[in-house]
Protein backbone atom coordinates (compact mmCIF):
# COMPACT_ATOMS: atom_id res chain seq x y z
CA MET A 1 -22.93 106.54 225.90
CA ASP A 2 -20.14 107.52 223.76
CA SER A 3 -19.32 110.49 221.34
CA LEU A 4 -19.78 108.06 218.69
CA SER A 5 -23.29 107.22 219.62
CA SER A 6 -24.25 110.92 219.73
CA ALA A 7 -22.54 111.38 216.07
CA ASN A 8 -24.38 108.53 214.47
CA ARG A 9 -27.65 110.04 215.83
CA PHE A 10 -26.54 113.51 214.41
CA MET A 11 -25.74 111.93 211.21
CA SER A 12 -29.10 109.73 211.04
CA GLY A 13 -31.07 112.72 212.15
CA PHE A 14 -29.53 114.88 209.48
CA PHE A 15 -30.45 112.45 206.77
CA PHE A 16 -33.64 111.83 207.91
CA GLY A 17 -34.70 115.68 208.09
CA THR A 18 -33.01 115.99 204.62
CA LEU A 19 -35.24 113.45 203.08
CA ILE A 20 -38.42 114.45 204.90
CA ALA A 21 -37.93 118.08 203.82
CA ALA A 22 -37.09 117.15 200.36
CA VAL A 23 -40.39 114.79 200.10
CA ILE A 24 -42.46 117.68 201.11
CA MET A 25 -40.97 120.27 198.69
CA VAL A 26 -41.50 118.14 195.85
CA LEU A 27 -45.31 117.16 197.37
CA LEU A 28 -45.90 121.03 197.67
CA SER A 29 -44.59 121.84 194.25
CA ASN A 30 -46.90 119.37 192.56
CA ALA A 31 -49.96 120.19 194.89
CA GLY A 32 -50.49 123.39 192.87
CA GLU A 33 -52.37 121.70 190.48
CA PHE A 34 -54.84 120.23 192.73
CA SER A 35 -55.18 122.97 195.25
CA PRO A 36 -56.15 126.49 194.56
CA PHE A 37 -54.37 127.68 197.83
CA MET A 38 -51.20 126.16 196.99
CA ALA A 39 -51.27 127.79 193.28
CA LYS A 40 -51.40 131.01 194.69
CA LEU A 41 -48.15 130.47 196.59
CA HIS A 42 -44.93 132.13 195.35
CA ALA A 43 -41.38 130.13 195.45
CA PHE A 44 -40.54 131.65 198.99
CA GLU A 45 -43.71 131.35 200.40
CA GLN A 46 -43.58 127.87 199.36
CA ILE A 47 -40.21 127.16 200.86
CA ILE A 48 -41.30 128.77 204.31
CA VAL A 49 -44.69 126.32 204.07
CA THR A 50 -42.06 123.51 203.61
CA VAL A 51 -39.95 124.38 206.55
CA LEU A 52 -42.66 124.73 208.84
CA ILE A 53 -44.32 121.71 207.82
CA ALA A 54 -40.85 119.61 208.22
CA ILE A 55 -40.19 121.32 211.71
CA VAL A 56 -43.56 119.91 212.91
CA ILE A 57 -43.04 116.34 211.35
CA VAL A 58 -39.28 116.05 212.14
CA ASP A 59 -38.72 117.71 215.53
CA ALA A 60 -42.08 116.90 217.35
CA LYS A 61 -41.12 113.19 218.85
CA PRO A 62 -37.60 113.99 220.20
CA LEU A 63 -38.67 117.26 221.43
CA ALA A 64 -41.44 115.81 223.22
CA TYR A 65 -39.03 113.26 224.54
CA LYS A 66 -36.77 115.82 226.01
CA THR A 67 -39.20 118.03 227.63
CA VAL A 68 -42.99 116.64 228.24
CA TRP A 69 -42.25 112.92 228.08
CA ARG A 70 -39.26 112.65 229.98
CA GLU A 71 -40.64 109.95 232.01
CA ARG A 72 -41.80 107.68 229.05
CA ARG A 73 -38.68 107.35 227.13
CA CYS A 74 -36.25 104.51 227.32
CA SER A 75 -33.73 104.93 230.12
CA PHE A 76 -30.79 104.13 227.62
CA ILE A 77 -31.32 107.33 225.73
CA LEU A 78 -29.57 110.24 227.19
CA ASP A 79 -30.39 113.81 226.72
CA GLU A 80 -27.07 114.76 224.81
CA ASP A 81 -28.35 111.68 222.17
CA LEU A 82 -31.52 113.59 221.84
CA SER A 83 -29.99 116.84 221.73
CA ALA A 84 -27.77 115.31 218.92
CA THR A 85 -30.79 113.92 217.00
CA LEU A 86 -32.73 117.35 217.44
CA ARG A 87 -29.92 119.50 215.77
CA GLY A 88 -29.41 116.85 213.07
CA ARG A 89 -33.02 116.72 211.99
CA THR A 90 -33.08 120.52 212.25
CA TYR A 91 -29.92 121.13 210.32
CA GLY A 92 -31.07 118.56 207.55
CA ILE A 93 -34.31 120.50 206.75
CA PRO A 94 -32.57 123.45 204.76
CA ALA A 95 -30.64 120.49 202.92
CA GLY A 96 -33.63 118.88 202.23
CA VAL A 97 -35.28 122.14 200.71
CA ILE A 98 -32.26 122.49 198.73
CA VAL A 99 -32.41 119.02 197.70
CA GLY A 100 -36.14 119.18 197.03
CA ILE A 101 -35.64 122.38 194.58
CA LEU A 102 -32.75 120.70 192.70
CA PHE A 103 -34.98 117.31 192.23
CA GLN A 104 -37.67 119.48 191.07
CA ASN A 105 -35.78 121.45 188.54
CA TYR A 106 -33.53 118.69 187.15
CA VAL A 107 -35.86 115.61 187.33
CA MET A 108 -39.36 116.89 187.10
CA ASN A 109 -39.12 119.56 184.37
């Protein structure tokens, strides 16, 4: 594989992490109407919960393919491509939190 493939995996992972974190952020901000637990969370705690849920959802499969399921993955996927995907998804989570906050401030209010 070439470096262009790793760059593509990084950028696609970044946008995927951003999208998932933004959706989780918006859903958690509106969950306070339905759940008494979520209504008690302050803004910073809501951000922390969003980041933790997004990390579990976004990074679980590539991390498992890199460590535990190494023999189950496709032989054409290299470790450097998985590392680029993990980095992109992880860097996308803070961007997704920012996008989610902006979306909930400008569109939902």
